[in-house]
């Protein structure tokens, strides 16, 4: 399978690249600044904010991972939202799957989004609200956009690849997940699609 990963040098993106390559997929790692990747990965220096390159990369892929996120330093989130719009537009009407890395804030407990709870850390709230809003954008797309959003557990960090975790749909599952096992779930979803035009989550 041809898989393109935006944000391929980040904590999550790099694990997804490594997992995909280890399973024999043809991987393109897309970054703004370039970077080194495992053997067999095609490195592309490009931005998801560039409409022409997005159209070309998405058009050549069977699956695209969006391992990007809004600014955490108080900057505008518009670049991130524009990138999401570009990727959706490029995938519309194609057979390409679009998997967006989500956040725990968009999940729900008893009908309330996690990000809207009083206990949600204030420092992370702007970022979480923006990413949670992307789910609404994806849900509003027409049927020709084959999207999936995968939300991690509350804590995602570098760790061990166990291949053992639980899946859920709308409510958080467990307290944590390693970035390595998150990557396993992403490639599992591409190999055996189970959440077309849906969101899901995972944790231990």
Protein backbone atom coordinates (compact mmCIF):
# COMPACT_ATOMS: atom_id res chain seq x y z
CA UNK A 1 0.00 0.00 0.00
CA UNK A 2 1.20 3.52 -0.77
CA UNK A 3 1.04 5.55 2.46
CA UNK A 4 1.94 9.24 2.80
CA UNK A 5 2.56 10.63 6.29
CA UNK A 6 2.38 14.36 6.94
CA UNK A 7 4.31 15.35 10.05
CA UNK A 8 6.53 12.32 9.48
CA UNK A 9 9.35 13.52 11.72
CA UNK A 10 7.18 14.12 14.79
CA UNK A 11 6.67 11.82 17.77
CA UNK A 12 3.58 10.15 16.33
CA UNK A 13 4.36 10.53 12.65
CA UNK A 14 7.80 8.96 12.92
CA UNK A 15 6.36 5.90 14.66
CA UNK A 16 3.70 5.53 11.98
CA UNK A 17 6.38 5.72 9.28
CA UNK A 18 8.46 3.05 11.04
CA UNK A 19 5.46 0.76 11.56
CA UNK A 20 4.32 1.08 7.95
CA UNK A 21 7.80 0.34 6.58
CA UNK A 22 8.19 -2.66 8.88
CA UNK A 23 5.03 -4.15 7.36
CA UNK A 24 6.28 -3.71 3.81
CA UNK A 25 4.27 -0.67 2.76
CA UNK A 26 5.55 1.97 0.35
CA UNK A 27 5.93 5.08 2.51
CA UNK A 28 6.38 8.76 1.72
CA UNK A 29 7.44 10.89 4.68
CA UNK A 30 6.33 14.51 4.26
CA UNK A 31 7.87 17.28 6.36
CA UNK A 32 8.27 21.04 6.07
CA UNK A 33 11.98 21.04 6.83
CA UNK A 34 13.11 17.68 5.48
CA UNK A 35 14.54 14.89 7.60
CA UNK A 36 16.09 11.45 7.68
CA UNK A 37 13.90 8.37 7.65
CA UNK A 38 14.35 4.61 7.78
CA UNK A 39 15.64 2.90 4.66
CA UNK A 40 12.97 2.57 2.02
CA UNK A 41 11.09 5.75 2.93
CA UNK A 42 10.76 8.43 0.28
CA UNK A 43 11.43 11.80 1.91
CA UNK A 44 9.48 14.77 0.56
CA UNK A 45 9.94 18.33 1.75
CA UNK A 46 6.55 19.96 1.38
CA UNK A 47 3.82 21.74 3.32
CA UNK A 48 0.20 20.73 3.72
CA UNK A 49 -0.54 24.41 3.18
CA UNK A 50 0.67 24.20 -0.42
CA UNK A 51 -2.36 23.22 -2.48
CA UNK A 52 -0.42 21.97 -5.52
CA UNK A 53 1.90 19.63 -3.62
CA UNK A 54 -0.97 18.32 -1.48
CA UNK A 55 -2.95 17.43 -4.58
CA UNK A 56 0.04 15.60 -6.03
CA UNK A 57 0.95 13.70 -2.85
CA UNK A 58 -2.61 12.70 -1.98
CA UNK A 59 -3.30 11.73 -5.59
CA UNK A 60 -0.37 9.32 -5.56
CA UNK A 61 -1.27 7.68 -2.23
CA UNK A 62 -3.76 5.04 -1.22
CA UNK A 63 -3.76 6.29 2.37
CA UNK A 64 -2.66 9.56 3.97
CA UNK A 65 -1.89 10.16 7.65
CA UNK A 66 -2.26 13.69 8.97
CA UNK A 67 0.06 13.70 11.99
CA UNK A 68 0.00 17.48 12.26
CA UNK A 69 -1.21 19.73 15.03
CA UNK A 70 -1.99 23.37 15.76
CA UNK A 71 0.55 25.69 17.37
CA UNK A 72 1.23 25.11 21.07
CA UNK A 73 2.99 28.45 21.51
CA UNK A 74 -0.02 30.73 21.32
CA UNK A 75 0.24 31.28 17.57
CA UNK A 76 -2.62 31.18 15.09
CA UNK A 77 -4.20 27.82 14.40
CA UNK A 78 -5.35 28.91 10.95
CA UNK A 79 -2.42 27.25 9.14
CA UNK A 80 -3.41 23.93 10.67
CA UNK A 81 -7.06 24.37 9.74
CA UNK A 82 -6.12 25.42 6.20
CA UNK A 83 -3.92 22.32 5.90
CA UNK A 84 -6.84 20.10 6.94
CA UNK A 85 -9.07 21.80 4.36
CA UNK A 86 -6.44 21.27 1.64
CA UNK A 87 -6.10 17.58 2.46
CA UNK A 88 -9.86 17.05 2.52
CA UNK A 89 -10.22 18.81 -0.84
CA UNK A 90 -7.48 16.67 -2.38
CA UNK A 91 -9.03 13.44 -1.08
CA UNK A 92 -12.57 14.33 -2.17
CA UNK A 93 -13.83 12.06 -4.91
CA UNK A 94 -10.82 9.73 -4.73
CA UNK A 95 -10.26 6.30 -3.21
CA UNK A 96 -7.55 7.69 -0.92
CA UNK A 97 -8.12 7.18 2.80
CA UNK A 98 -7.45 10.14 5.07
CA UNK A 99 -6.58 9.38 8.71
CA UNK A 100 -6.28 12.39 11.01
CA UNK A 101 -4.45 12.17 14.33
CA UNK A 102 -6.90 13.46 16.91
CA UNK A 103 -6.70 14.30 20.59
CA UNK A 104 -8.37 13.09 23.77
CA UNK A 105 -10.24 16.40 24.12
CA UNK A 106 -12.65 15.51 21.36
CA UNK A 107 -13.83 12.33 23.08
CA UNK A 108 -16.92 12.31 25.28
CA UNK A 109 -17.84 11.21 28.77
CA UNK A 110 -21.57 11.06 29.48
CA UNK A 111 -22.23 13.19 26.42
CA UNK A 112 -19.77 15.95 27.36
CA UNK A 113 -16.57 16.50 25.43
CA UNK A 114 -13.47 15.93 27.53
CA UNK A 115 -12.10 19.35 26.50
CA UNK A 116 -15.22 21.04 27.92
CA UNK A 117 -14.83 19.56 31.40
CA UNK A 118 -13.63 21.85 34.22
CA UNK A 119 -10.72 19.48 34.90
CA UNK A 120 -9.21 19.83 31.43
CA UNK A 121 -5.78 21.56 31.66
CA UNK A 122 -6.11 25.20 30.61
CA UNK A 123 -2.72 25.22 28.86
CA UNK A 124 -3.83 22.57 26.39
CA UNK A 125 -7.38 23.80 25.87
CA UNK A 126 -6.90 26.07 22.80
CA UNK A 127 -5.10 23.30 20.90
CA UNK A 128 -7.61 20.67 22.00
CA UNK A 129 -10.60 22.79 20.97
CA UNK A 130 -9.14 23.31 17.51
CA UNK A 131 -8.44 19.61 16.96
CA UNK A 132 -11.87 18.67 18.34
CA UNK A 133 -13.41 21.07 15.82
CA UNK A 134 -11.73 19.19 12.98
CA UNK A 135 -13.92 16.20 13.79
CA UNK A 136 -16.96 18.37 13.04
CA UNK A 137 -15.35 19.43 9.75
CA UNK A 138 -14.73 15.82 8.77
CA UNK A 139 -18.26 14.77 9.71
CA UNK A 140 -19.65 17.56 7.52
CA UNK A 141 -17.89 16.27 4.40
CA UNK A 142 -19.77 14.47 1.66
CA UNK A 143 -19.61 10.70 1.25
CA UNK A 144 -16.79 10.94 -1.30
CA UNK A 145 -14.27 11.76 1.46
CA UNK A 146 -13.12 8.57 3.17
CA UNK A 147 -11.83 9.89 6.49
CA UNK A 148 -11.02 8.46 9.91
CA UNK A 149 -9.93 10.23 13.09
CA UNK A 150 -8.00 8.28 15.73
CA UNK A 151 -7.95 9.74 19.24
CA UNK A 152 -5.26 8.57 21.67
CA UNK A 153 -5.80 7.92 25.36
CA UNK A 154 -5.16 10.77 27.82
CA UNK A 155 -1.38 10.30 27.70
CA UNK A 156 0.54 9.38 24.55
CA UNK A 157 4.31 9.20 24.73
CA UNK A 158 7.25 7.23 23.33
CA UNK A 159 7.31 3.74 24.77
CA UNK A 160 7.03 0.09 23.87
CA UNK A 161 5.38 -1.55 20.91
CA UNK A 162 3.23 -4.21 22.56
CA UNK A 163 0.58 -4.69 19.89
CA UNK A 164 -1.94 -5.14 22.70
CA UNK A 165 -4.48 -2.41 23.47
CA UNK A 166 -8.20 -1.75 23.62
CA UNK A 167 -10.30 0.11 21.07
CA UNK A 168 -13.31 2.32 21.65
CA UNK A 169 -15.46 4.78 19.75
CA UNK A 170 -16.59 7.92 21.59
CA UNK A 171 -15.37 7.53 25.16
CA UNK A 172 -11.75 7.38 26.39
CA UNK A 173 -10.28 3.91 26.79
CA UNK A 174 -7.64 3.58 29.47
CA UNK A 175 -5.26 6.28 30.66
CA UNK A 176 -2.35 5.96 28.26
CA UNK A 177 -1.00 4.58 24.99
CA UNK A 178 2.51 4.46 23.57
CA UNK A 179 3.17 6.25 20.29
CA UNK A 180 4.40 2.91 18.98
CA UNK A 181 1.10 1.16 19.68
CA UNK A 182 -0.82 4.14 18.32
CA UNK A 183 1.09 3.54 15.08
CA UNK A 184 0.12 -0.13 15.15
CA UNK A 185 -3.55 0.86 15.31
CA UNK A 186 -3.15 3.26 12.38
CA UNK A 187 -1.65 0.65 10.07
CA UNK A 188 -4.11 -1.99 11.31
CA UNK A 189 -6.91 0.35 10.22
CA UNK A 190 -5.41 0.78 6.77
CA UNK A 191 -4.88 -2.95 6.30
CA UNK A 192 -8.31 -3.94 7.65
CA UNK A 193 -10.64 -0.92 7.44
CA UNK A 194 -13.20 -0.84 10.23
CA UNK A 195 -13.82 2.87 10.80
CA UNK A 196 -14.57 4.47 7.45
CA UNK A 197 -16.00 7.98 8.01
CA UNK A 198 -15.86 7.41 11.78
CA UNK A 199 -13.67 8.27 14.72
CA UNK A 200 -12.29 5.79 17.21
CA UNK A 201 -9.88 5.67 20.10
CA UNK A 202 -7.47 3.35 21.84
CA UNK A 203 -5.68 2.85 25.13
CA UNK A 204 -4.43 0.25 27.55
